Amino acid sequence: MYDIKWSSPIEVGFAPGSAQMVQGPSEALNCLANLWPDRRGPLYVAARSVCRAAVAGRRSAEEARELFISATREAHLKTQ
C-alpha cells in the first residue's frame, strides 16, 4: 500500500462554506466512502476502483486524480 500524492491537490466543496483538500488517492477514497453525497453514478464507481488500484500500485496516481475529478463533476460538487 502506497501513500502517494497527486501532482496538484484538489479542493472539493462537500458542504456549503466548507471545503476538503484532497491530496492523493488515499484521501480520495476516504472522501468517496465518508463524505460523498447520494449522487453515486458510474464515475463514482470508476473513481473508487482506480483510487484503490493506485493505492495498491497497480494504476497511476494521475489516472486516479482524473477519475476523481470526473466523479466530482458527476456529483455536482464544486472543485478548485
N, C-alpha and C. Protein backbone atom coordinates (compact mmCIF):
# COMPACT_ATOMS: atom_id res chain seq x y z
N MET A 1 0.84 -1.17 0.00
CA MET A 1 0.00 0.00 0.00
C MET A 1 0.89 1.24 0.00
N TYR A 2 0.58 2.19 -0.88
CA TYR A 2 1.39 3.38 -1.02
C TYR A 2 0.60 4.62 -0.63
N ASP A 3 1.27 5.53 0.07
CA ASP A 3 0.66 6.83 0.38
C ASP A 3 1.20 7.82 -0.64
N ILE A 4 0.63 7.81 -1.82
CA ILE A 4 1.11 8.66 -2.90
C ILE A 4 0.28 9.93 -2.98
N LYS A 5 0.89 10.96 -3.49
CA LYS A 5 0.23 12.26 -3.64
C LYS A 5 0.07 12.59 -5.12
N TRP A 6 -0.94 13.39 -5.40
CA TRP A 6 -1.14 13.88 -6.76
C TRP A 6 -0.21 15.04 -7.05
N SER A 7 -0.03 15.34 -8.32
CA SER A 7 0.82 16.46 -8.72
C SER A 7 0.25 17.78 -8.22
N SER A 8 -1.06 17.84 -8.10
CA SER A 8 -1.73 19.05 -7.63
C SER A 8 -2.96 18.63 -6.83
N PRO A 9 -3.10 19.12 -5.59
CA PRO A 9 -4.27 18.73 -4.79
C PRO A 9 -5.56 19.31 -5.37
N ILE A 10 -6.67 18.73 -4.95
CA ILE A 10 -8.00 19.16 -5.39
C ILE A 10 -8.78 19.61 -4.17
N GLU A 11 -9.34 20.80 -4.23
CA GLU A 11 -10.20 21.29 -3.16
C GLU A 11 -11.64 21.01 -3.55
N VAL A 12 -12.34 20.26 -2.71
CA VAL A 12 -13.71 19.84 -3.01
C VAL A 12 -14.65 20.41 -1.96
N GLY A 13 -15.72 21.04 -2.42
CA GLY A 13 -16.75 21.58 -1.52
C GLY A 13 -17.82 20.53 -1.28
N PHE A 14 -17.79 19.89 -0.12
CA PHE A 14 -18.80 18.88 0.20
C PHE A 14 -20.00 19.49 0.90
N ALA A 15 -19.81 20.62 1.56
CA ALA A 15 -20.90 21.31 2.24
C ALA A 15 -20.75 22.80 1.98
N PRO A 16 -21.85 23.54 1.99
CA PRO A 16 -21.75 24.99 1.75
C PRO A 16 -20.80 25.65 2.75
N GLY A 17 -19.86 26.41 2.23
CA GLY A 17 -18.90 27.12 3.08
C GLY A 17 -17.80 26.25 3.64
N SER A 18 -17.73 25.00 3.20
CA SER A 18 -16.72 24.08 3.72
C SER A 18 -16.08 23.33 2.57
N ALA A 19 -14.77 23.22 2.61
CA ALA A 19 -14.06 22.52 1.54
C ALA A 19 -13.06 21.55 2.16
N GLN A 20 -12.80 20.50 1.43
CA GLN A 20 -11.83 19.47 1.84
C GLN A 20 -10.72 19.44 0.81
N MET A 21 -9.48 19.53 1.25
CA MET A 21 -8.33 19.42 0.36
C MET A 21 -7.99 17.94 0.21
N VAL A 22 -7.99 17.45 -1.02
CA VAL A 22 -7.72 16.04 -1.31
C VAL A 22 -6.38 16.00 -2.05
N GLN A 23 -5.40 15.30 -1.45
CA GLN A 23 -4.04 15.34 -1.98
C GLN A 23 -3.59 14.05 -2.65
N GLY A 24 -4.40 13.01 -2.60
CA GLY A 24 -3.99 11.77 -3.23
C GLY A 24 -5.10 10.73 -3.20
N PRO A 25 -4.84 9.57 -3.78
CA PRO A 25 -5.86 8.52 -3.87
C PRO A 25 -6.38 8.02 -2.52
N SER A 26 -5.53 7.96 -1.51
CA SER A 26 -5.99 7.51 -0.19
C SER A 26 -7.01 8.48 0.39
N GLU A 27 -6.72 9.77 0.29
CA GLU A 27 -7.66 10.78 0.78
C GLU A 27 -8.93 10.79 -0.07
N ALA A 28 -8.78 10.55 -1.36
CA ALA A 28 -9.95 10.48 -2.24
C ALA A 28 -10.86 9.33 -1.83
N LEU A 29 -10.26 8.18 -1.51
CA LEU A 29 -11.05 7.03 -1.07
C LEU A 29 -11.83 7.36 0.20
N ASN A 30 -11.19 8.07 1.12
CA ASN A 30 -11.88 8.49 2.34
C ASN A 30 -13.07 9.37 2.01
N CYS A 31 -12.88 10.32 1.11
CA CYS A 31 -13.99 11.20 0.71
C CYS A 31 -15.10 10.42 0.02
N LEU A 32 -14.72 9.52 -0.87
CA LEU A 32 -15.71 8.71 -1.59
C LEU A 32 -16.53 7.86 -0.63
N ALA A 33 -15.90 7.36 0.42
CA ALA A 33 -16.58 6.49 1.38
C ALA A 33 -17.37 7.26 2.43
N ASN A 34 -16.87 8.41 2.85
CA ASN A 34 -17.45 9.07 4.03
C ASN A 34 -18.09 10.42 3.81
N LEU A 35 -17.76 11.11 2.74
CA LEU A 35 -18.27 12.47 2.54
C LEU A 35 -19.14 12.63 1.31
N TRP A 36 -19.19 11.61 0.48
CA TRP A 36 -19.85 11.72 -0.82
C TRP A 36 -21.36 11.86 -0.67
N PRO A 37 -21.94 12.72 -1.50
CA PRO A 37 -23.42 12.85 -1.48
C PRO A 37 -24.08 11.61 -2.08
N ASP A 38 -25.38 11.57 -2.06
CA ASP A 38 -26.12 10.42 -2.56
C ASP A 38 -26.01 10.22 -4.06
N ARG A 39 -25.52 11.22 -4.80
CA ARG A 39 -25.36 11.09 -6.25
C ARG A 39 -24.15 10.20 -6.53
N ARG A 40 -24.39 8.93 -6.73
CA ARG A 40 -23.31 7.96 -6.96
C ARG A 40 -23.58 7.23 -8.26
N GLY A 41 -22.90 7.67 -9.29
CA GLY A 41 -23.09 7.08 -10.60
C GLY A 41 -21.89 6.27 -11.05
N PRO A 42 -21.81 5.99 -12.33
CA PRO A 42 -20.72 5.16 -12.85
C PRO A 42 -19.34 5.77 -12.67
N LEU A 43 -19.23 7.09 -12.69
CA LEU A 43 -17.92 7.71 -12.48
C LEU A 43 -17.47 7.60 -11.03
N TYR A 44 -18.42 7.62 -10.11
CA TYR A 44 -18.11 7.38 -8.70
C TYR A 44 -17.51 5.98 -8.54
N VAL A 45 -18.16 4.99 -9.14
CA VAL A 45 -17.69 3.60 -9.05
C VAL A 45 -16.30 3.47 -9.68
N ALA A 46 -16.11 4.09 -10.83
CA ALA A 46 -14.82 4.03 -11.52
C ALA A 46 -13.73 4.71 -10.69
N ALA A 47 -14.04 5.87 -10.12
CA ALA A 47 -13.05 6.60 -9.31
C ALA A 47 -12.65 5.77 -8.10
N ARG A 48 -13.62 5.16 -7.45
CA ARG A 48 -13.32 4.33 -6.28
C ARG A 48 -12.40 3.17 -6.67
N SER A 49 -12.69 2.54 -7.78
CA SER A 49 -11.89 1.41 -8.24
C SER A 49 -10.46 1.82 -8.60
N VAL A 50 -10.32 2.90 -9.35
CA VAL A 50 -8.99 3.34 -9.78
C VAL A 50 -8.20 3.91 -8.60
N CYS A 51 -8.84 4.57 -7.66
CA CYS A 51 -8.13 5.04 -6.47
C CYS A 51 -7.60 3.86 -5.66
N ARG A 52 -8.40 2.82 -5.51
CA ARG A 52 -7.92 1.62 -4.81
C ARG A 52 -6.72 1.02 -5.54
N ALA A 53 -6.81 0.95 -6.87
CA ALA A 53 -5.71 0.39 -7.66
C ALA A 53 -4.46 1.26 -7.54
N ALA A 54 -4.62 2.58 -7.49
CA ALA A 54 -3.46 3.48 -7.35
C ALA A 54 -2.80 3.29 -5.99
N VAL A 55 -3.60 3.15 -4.95
CA VAL A 55 -3.06 2.93 -3.61
C VAL A 55 -2.28 1.62 -3.57
N ALA A 56 -2.75 0.63 -4.31
CA ALA A 56 -2.09 -0.68 -4.35
C ALA A 56 -0.92 -0.71 -5.33
N GLY A 57 -0.73 0.37 -6.08
CA GLY A 57 0.38 0.45 -7.01
C GLY A 57 0.11 -0.13 -8.39
N ARG A 58 -1.16 -0.45 -8.68
CA ARG A 58 -1.50 -1.05 -9.97
C ARG A 58 -1.91 -0.03 -11.02
N ARG A 59 -2.23 1.19 -10.62
CA ARG A 59 -2.59 2.27 -11.54
C ARG A 59 -1.86 3.53 -11.08
N SER A 60 -1.79 4.51 -11.95
CA SER A 60 -1.07 5.73 -11.59
C SER A 60 -1.95 6.66 -10.75
N ALA A 61 -1.29 7.46 -9.95
CA ALA A 61 -1.99 8.44 -9.13
C ALA A 61 -2.73 9.45 -10.01
N GLU A 62 -2.14 9.80 -11.14
CA GLU A 62 -2.77 10.80 -12.02
C GLU A 62 -4.03 10.25 -12.69
N GLU A 63 -4.05 8.95 -13.00
CA GLU A 63 -5.29 8.35 -13.51
C GLU A 63 -6.39 8.46 -12.46
N ALA A 64 -6.03 8.17 -11.22
CA ALA A 64 -6.99 8.26 -10.13
C ALA A 64 -7.47 9.70 -9.95
N ARG A 65 -6.57 10.65 -10.08
CA ARG A 65 -6.93 12.07 -9.94
C ARG A 65 -7.96 12.47 -11.00
N GLU A 66 -7.71 12.09 -12.24
CA GLU A 66 -8.63 12.45 -13.33
C GLU A 66 -10.01 11.84 -13.12
N LEU A 67 -10.06 10.60 -12.70
CA LEU A 67 -11.37 9.97 -12.46
C LEU A 67 -12.06 10.57 -11.24
N PHE A 68 -11.29 10.92 -10.22
CA PHE A 68 -11.89 11.56 -9.05
C PHE A 68 -12.51 12.90 -9.44
N ILE A 69 -11.82 13.68 -10.26
CA ILE A 69 -12.37 14.95 -10.74
C ILE A 69 -13.65 14.71 -11.53
N SER A 70 -13.64 13.71 -12.40
CA SER A 70 -14.84 13.39 -13.17
C SER A 70 -16.01 13.01 -12.25
N ALA A 71 -15.71 12.26 -11.20
CA ALA A 71 -16.75 11.87 -10.25
C ALA A 71 -17.31 13.07 -9.50
N THR A 72 -16.44 14.05 -9.17
CA THR A 72 -16.95 15.26 -8.50
C THR A 72 -17.91 16.01 -9.42
N ARG A 73 -17.59 16.06 -10.70
CA ARG A 73 -18.48 16.72 -11.67
C ARG A 73 -19.81 15.98 -11.77
N GLU A 74 -19.74 14.66 -11.82
CA GLU A 74 -20.94 13.84 -11.89
C GLU A 74 -21.85 14.11 -10.68
N ALA A 75 -21.24 14.32 -9.51
CA ALA A 75 -21.99 14.55 -8.28
C ALA A 75 -22.33 16.02 -8.07
N HIS A 76 -21.97 16.86 -9.02
CA HIS A 76 -22.20 18.32 -8.95
C HIS A 76 -21.55 18.96 -7.73
N LEU A 77 -20.33 18.51 -7.43
CA LEU A 77 -19.56 19.09 -6.34
C LEU A 77 -18.64 20.17 -6.91
N LYS A 78 -18.45 21.22 -6.16
CA LYS A 78 -17.59 22.30 -6.58
C LYS A 78 -16.12 21.95 -6.30
N THR A 79 -15.25 22.12 -7.30
CA THR A 79 -13.83 21.83 -7.11
C THR A 79 -12.99 23.03 -7.54
N GLN A 80 -11.78 23.06 -6.99
CA GLN A 80 -10.80 24.08 -7.36
C GLN A 80 -9.46 23.41 -7.51
